[in-house]
């Protein structure tokens, strides 16, 4: 994509977000997106050919829905996609700069220890499950905890990930997330439910996506695909998980 097209795309996203979020009233206003989710996916696919196009289509559809709910205040400049249908030994996390139409990160990411071995097969929203959760999240604030520099996540989908903050599901670095570990063990190490990343990139990655950007975690789970309120969007009046401010937690992350 040339520079002029990239600028146009970024401006389009910004205009869409401003219109959908309303103008000072806090009430979402109707607007027509300059680009459809499919057009977004077309543009992003060229920067990340290894990302399954069906997964990317779902991610842009879910983000579009989240942007239509102005009360969520989603930052439209970043999109992170995790494809848990891939083995942990593969790079299955992509972070996009939507304004510049470029791929910022393609990384390894861990899943919860009770979700599976090399392949994540089970997911949960339940406290104490030690499983990963599916669906759309928004990034929140950073903090220093037991795993170092970490980023809190708020789940946006009732019944699927809206306990994420209470469960201390955060993005953090971990020594067990590395290609060397995967080569010797046949899989990455596993978290308590957090999407842990390589320690070497954690700080830069967290800084790139903190403060309200959209994170989409995928697996072909039929129940979630049928009932996700972000994938089956009702527009700005649909009920999604309310943002809840939990007490500050500097624990190990993930329950």
Protein backbone atom coordinates (compact mmCIF):
# COMPACT_ATOMS: atom_id res chain seq x y z
CA UNK A 1 0.00 0.00 0.00
CA UNK A 2 1.37 3.43 -0.88
CA UNK A 3 1.77 6.25 1.64
CA UNK A 4 -1.27 8.17 0.41
CA UNK A 5 -3.51 5.11 0.75
CA UNK A 6 -2.15 4.37 4.22
CA UNK A 7 -2.89 7.90 5.41
CA UNK A 8 -6.40 7.70 3.93
CA UNK A 9 -7.03 4.42 5.73
CA UNK A 10 -5.85 5.84 9.07
CA UNK A 11 -7.95 8.97 8.67
CA UNK A 12 -10.94 6.83 7.79
CA UNK A 13 -10.59 4.85 10.98
CA UNK A 14 -10.22 7.99 13.05
CA UNK A 15 -13.28 9.59 11.43
CA UNK A 16 -15.29 6.42 11.95
CA UNK A 17 -14.34 6.23 15.62
CA UNK A 18 -15.14 9.88 16.23
CA UNK A 19 -18.52 9.58 14.55
CA UNK A 20 -19.48 6.33 16.24
CA UNK A 21 -18.40 7.58 19.65
CA UNK A 22 -20.50 10.73 19.41
CA UNK A 23 -19.32 14.28 19.79
CA UNK A 24 -19.00 15.13 23.47
CA UNK A 25 -22.43 13.75 24.37
CA UNK A 26 -21.20 10.26 25.26
CA UNK A 27 -24.06 8.87 23.14
CA UNK A 28 -23.13 6.81 20.07
CA UNK A 29 -24.21 8.52 16.88
CA UNK A 30 -25.15 6.70 13.69
CA UNK A 31 -22.51 6.80 11.00
CA UNK A 32 -21.40 4.86 7.97
CA UNK A 33 -17.90 3.42 8.17
CA UNK A 34 -15.60 4.64 5.37
CA UNK A 35 -14.28 1.07 5.17
CA UNK A 36 -16.10 -2.18 5.80
CA UNK A 37 -14.60 -4.94 7.96
CA UNK A 38 -13.86 -6.87 4.77
CA UNK A 39 -11.94 -3.91 3.33
CA UNK A 40 -9.96 -3.59 6.54
CA UNK A 41 -9.11 -7.29 6.32
CA UNK A 42 -8.07 -6.94 2.67
CA UNK A 43 -5.60 -4.21 3.59
CA UNK A 44 -4.20 -5.98 6.65
CA UNK A 45 -3.88 -9.36 4.94
CA UNK A 46 -1.20 -7.97 2.67
CA UNK A 47 0.97 -7.15 5.68
CA UNK A 48 0.43 -10.52 7.41
CA UNK A 49 0.04 -13.28 4.81
CA UNK A 50 0.60 -15.98 7.46
CA UNK A 51 -2.52 -14.95 9.40
CA UNK A 52 -5.56 -17.03 8.42
CA UNK A 53 -7.85 -14.76 6.42
CA UNK A 54 -10.98 -16.16 8.08
CA UNK A 55 -9.59 -15.26 11.49
CA UNK A 56 -8.65 -11.78 10.29
CA UNK A 57 -12.16 -11.29 8.89
CA UNK A 58 -13.66 -12.18 12.27
CA UNK A 59 -11.25 -9.87 14.09
CA UNK A 60 -12.10 -6.85 11.95
CA UNK A 61 -15.82 -7.64 12.25
CA UNK A 62 -15.57 -7.80 16.04
CA UNK A 63 -13.54 -4.58 16.23
CA UNK A 64 -16.07 -2.78 14.04
CA UNK A 65 -18.81 -3.81 16.45
CA UNK A 66 -16.78 -2.64 19.44
CA UNK A 67 -16.19 0.73 17.76
CA UNK A 68 -19.94 1.10 17.31
CA UNK A 69 -20.30 1.01 21.09
CA UNK A 70 -18.89 4.44 21.83
CA UNK A 71 -19.03 3.91 25.58
CA UNK A 72 -16.19 1.39 25.23
CA UNK A 73 -13.86 4.10 23.93
CA UNK A 74 -11.84 1.67 21.81
CA UNK A 75 -8.62 3.11 20.40
CA UNK A 76 -8.97 2.60 16.61
CA UNK A 77 -5.25 2.72 15.84
CA UNK A 78 -4.24 -0.81 16.89
CA UNK A 79 -5.54 -4.35 16.43
CA UNK A 80 -4.04 -7.45 18.07
CA UNK A 81 -5.06 -10.93 16.92
CA UNK A 82 -4.33 -14.23 18.70
CA UNK A 83 -5.10 -17.44 16.83
CA UNK A 84 -5.34 -20.18 19.45
CA UNK A 85 -6.19 -22.74 16.78
CA UNK A 86 -2.47 -22.84 15.99
CA UNK A 87 0.07 -24.74 18.12
CA UNK A 88 2.00 -22.80 20.73
CA UNK A 89 5.23 -23.57 18.86
CA UNK A 90 4.11 -21.20 16.08
CA UNK A 91 4.00 -17.43 16.12
CA UNK A 92 0.27 -16.87 16.59
CA UNK A 93 0.02 -13.26 17.80
CA UNK A 94 -0.13 -10.36 15.34
CA UNK A 95 -0.22 -6.66 16.27
CA UNK A 96 -1.21 -4.17 13.58
CA UNK A 97 -0.78 -0.42 13.32
CA UNK A 98 -4.01 0.41 11.50
CA UNK A 99 -3.15 4.01 10.74
CA UNK A 100 0.13 3.15 9.04
CA UNK A 101 -1.14 -0.16 7.65
CA UNK A 102 1.80 -2.15 8.95
CA UNK A 103 2.52 -5.16 11.09
CA UNK A 104 4.22 -4.20 14.34
CA UNK A 105 4.69 -7.62 15.90
CA UNK A 106 4.34 -11.27 15.00
CA UNK A 107 5.05 -13.23 18.15
CA UNK A 108 4.75 -16.41 20.16
CA UNK A 109 2.09 -16.34 22.87
CA UNK A 110 1.29 -18.81 25.64
CA UNK A 111 -2.09 -20.20 26.61
CA UNK A 112 -3.43 -21.31 29.99
CA UNK A 113 -2.09 -24.55 31.43
CA UNK A 114 -5.53 -26.16 31.59
CA UNK A 115 -6.36 -25.17 28.02
CA UNK A 116 -4.10 -27.85 26.59
CA UNK A 117 -0.55 -28.91 25.88
CA UNK A 118 0.90 -27.64 22.59
CA UNK A 119 -2.62 -27.10 21.25
CA UNK A 120 -5.17 -25.07 23.21
CA UNK A 121 -8.41 -27.05 23.19
CA UNK A 122 -10.46 -25.75 26.12
CA UNK A 123 -11.35 -22.22 27.17
CA UNK A 124 -13.07 -20.74 30.17
CA UNK A 125 -14.28 -17.53 31.77
CA UNK A 126 -14.33 -19.14 35.19
CA UNK A 127 -12.12 -18.07 38.08
CA UNK A 128 -9.73 -20.84 39.03
CA UNK A 129 -9.92 -22.57 35.65
CA UNK A 130 -6.35 -21.64 34.62
CA UNK A 131 -7.62 -21.57 31.04
CA UNK A 132 -7.41 -18.94 28.34
CA UNK A 133 -10.52 -17.00 27.30
CA UNK A 134 -11.83 -16.22 23.84
CA UNK A 135 -13.26 -13.11 22.22
CA UNK A 136 -12.69 -9.38 22.19
CA UNK A 137 -10.80 -7.54 24.93
CA UNK A 138 -9.71 -3.98 25.46
CA UNK A 139 -6.32 -3.19 26.93
CA UNK A 140 -6.24 -1.08 30.06
CA UNK A 141 -3.48 0.16 32.36
CA UNK A 142 0.04 -1.15 32.90
CA UNK A 143 1.55 -2.09 36.25
CA UNK A 144 4.61 -3.75 37.77
CA UNK A 145 3.75 -7.13 39.29
CA UNK A 146 5.15 -10.55 39.97
CA UNK A 147 5.77 -11.02 36.24
CA UNK A 148 7.29 -7.58 35.76
CA UNK A 149 5.78 -5.01 33.42
CA UNK A 150 2.21 -6.16 32.71
CA UNK A 151 -0.93 -4.96 30.95
CA UNK A 152 -4.44 -5.50 32.28
CA UNK A 153 -7.17 -6.73 29.95
CA UNK A 154 -10.92 -6.12 30.16
CA UNK A 155 -13.10 -8.74 28.51
CA UNK A 156 -15.96 -7.36 26.41
CA UNK A 157 -18.04 -10.51 25.93
CA UNK A 158 -20.49 -11.61 28.65
CA UNK A 159 -20.14 -15.26 29.52
CA UNK A 160 -16.93 -15.73 27.54
CA UNK A 161 -14.31 -13.32 28.90
CA UNK A 162 -15.94 -10.67 31.06
CA UNK A 163 -14.23 -12.06 34.18
CA UNK A 164 -10.80 -11.42 32.67
CA UNK A 165 -9.94 -8.47 34.86
CA UNK A 166 -11.15 -10.15 38.04
CA UNK A 167 -9.12 -13.22 37.03
CA UNK A 168 -6.02 -11.03 36.58
CA UNK A 169 -5.70 -12.06 32.94
CA UNK A 170 -2.91 -9.80 31.74
CA UNK A 171 -0.26 -9.60 29.06
CA UNK A 172 3.21 -10.07 30.53
CA UNK A 173 6.60 -11.44 29.62
CA UNK A 174 7.66 -14.96 30.58
CA UNK A 175 10.87 -16.95 30.26
CA UNK A 176 8.89 -20.00 29.16
CA UNK A 177 7.77 -18.21 25.99
CA UNK A 178 10.64 -18.63 23.55
CA UNK A 179 11.46 -20.67 20.45
CA UNK A 180 14.26 -22.40 22.38
CA UNK A 181 11.84 -23.56 25.07
CA UNK A 182 9.42 -24.75 22.40
CA UNK A 183 12.16 -26.69 20.62
CA UNK A 184 13.30 -28.53 23.73
CA UNK A 185 9.87 -29.15 25.29
CA UNK A 186 7.74 -29.57 22.19
CA UNK A 187 5.54 -26.67 23.28
CA UNK A 188 5.75 -23.31 25.02
CA UNK A 189 5.40 -23.14 28.75
CA UNK A 190 1.88 -22.39 29.90
CA UNK A 191 0.44 -19.58 31.96
CA UNK A 192 -2.41 -19.43 34.47
CA UNK A 193 -4.62 -18.12 31.67
CA UNK A 194 -2.65 -15.08 30.55
CA UNK A 195 -1.48 -14.45 26.96
CA UNK A 196 2.17 -14.32 28.01
CA UNK A 197 4.79 -13.26 25.46
CA UNK A 198 8.57 -13.33 25.17
CA UNK A 199 10.29 -11.32 27.91
CA UNK A 200 12.49 -9.64 25.29
CA UNK A 201 9.53 -8.02 23.52
CA UNK A 202 7.03 -7.64 26.37
CA UNK A 203 7.78 -4.02 27.24
CA UNK A 204 7.72 -2.73 23.67
CA UNK A 205 4.64 -4.76 22.76
CA UNK A 206 2.73 -3.64 25.87
CA UNK A 207 3.60 0.02 25.24
CA UNK A 208 2.36 -0.33 21.65
CA UNK A 209 -1.10 -1.57 22.63
CA UNK A 210 -1.86 -0.20 26.11
CA UNK A 211 -4.66 2.24 26.82
CA UNK A 212 -7.79 0.96 25.12
CA UNK A 213 -6.75 -0.93 21.99
CA UNK A 214 -8.61 -4.00 20.76
CA UNK A 215 -7.36 -7.57 21.27
CA UNK A 216 -9.11 -10.50 19.58
CA UNK A 217 -8.52 -14.10 20.70
CA UNK A 218 -9.80 -16.78 18.32
CA UNK A 219 -10.52 -20.49 18.40
CA UNK A 220 -13.22 -22.27 16.34
CA UNK A 221 -15.44 -22.81 19.37
CA UNK A 222 -19.00 -23.25 18.11
CA UNK A 223 -20.70 -21.87 21.22
CA UNK A 224 -18.64 -18.67 21.15
CA UNK A 225 -18.99 -18.24 17.38
CA UNK A 226 -22.78 -18.55 17.65
CA UNK A 227 -23.27 -16.37 20.71
CA UNK A 228 -20.50 -13.77 20.61
CA UNK A 229 -22.12 -10.34 20.77
CA UNK A 230 -19.18 -8.84 18.91
CA UNK A 231 -19.38 -11.29 16.02
CA UNK A 232 -23.17 -11.07 15.89
CA UNK A 233 -23.37 -7.34 16.40
CA UNK A 234 -26.57 -5.54 17.27
CA UNK A 235 -25.04 -2.10 16.82
CA UNK A 236 -24.60 0.61 19.42
CA UNK A 237 -27.63 -0.43 21.47
CA UNK A 238 -26.51 -4.03 22.02
CA UNK A 239 -25.50 -5.08 25.51
CA UNK A 240 -21.82 -5.90 25.93
CA UNK A 241 -19.76 -6.44 29.05
CA UNK A 242 -19.55 -3.30 31.13
CA UNK A 243 -16.13 -1.99 32.04
CA UNK A 244 -15.43 -2.78 35.66
CA UNK A 245 -12.61 -1.32 37.71
CA UNK A 246 -11.24 -4.07 39.93
CA UNK A 247 -9.01 -3.39 42.89
CA UNK A 248 -5.36 -3.01 42.00
CA UNK A 249 -3.69 -6.42 41.86
CA UNK A 250 0.05 -6.93 41.83
CA UNK A 251 -0.16 -10.71 41.99
CA UNK A 252 1.25 -13.30 39.61
CA UNK A 253 -1.51 -12.91 37.05
CA UNK A 254 -4.10 -15.38 35.88
CA UNK A 255 -6.52 -17.44 37.97
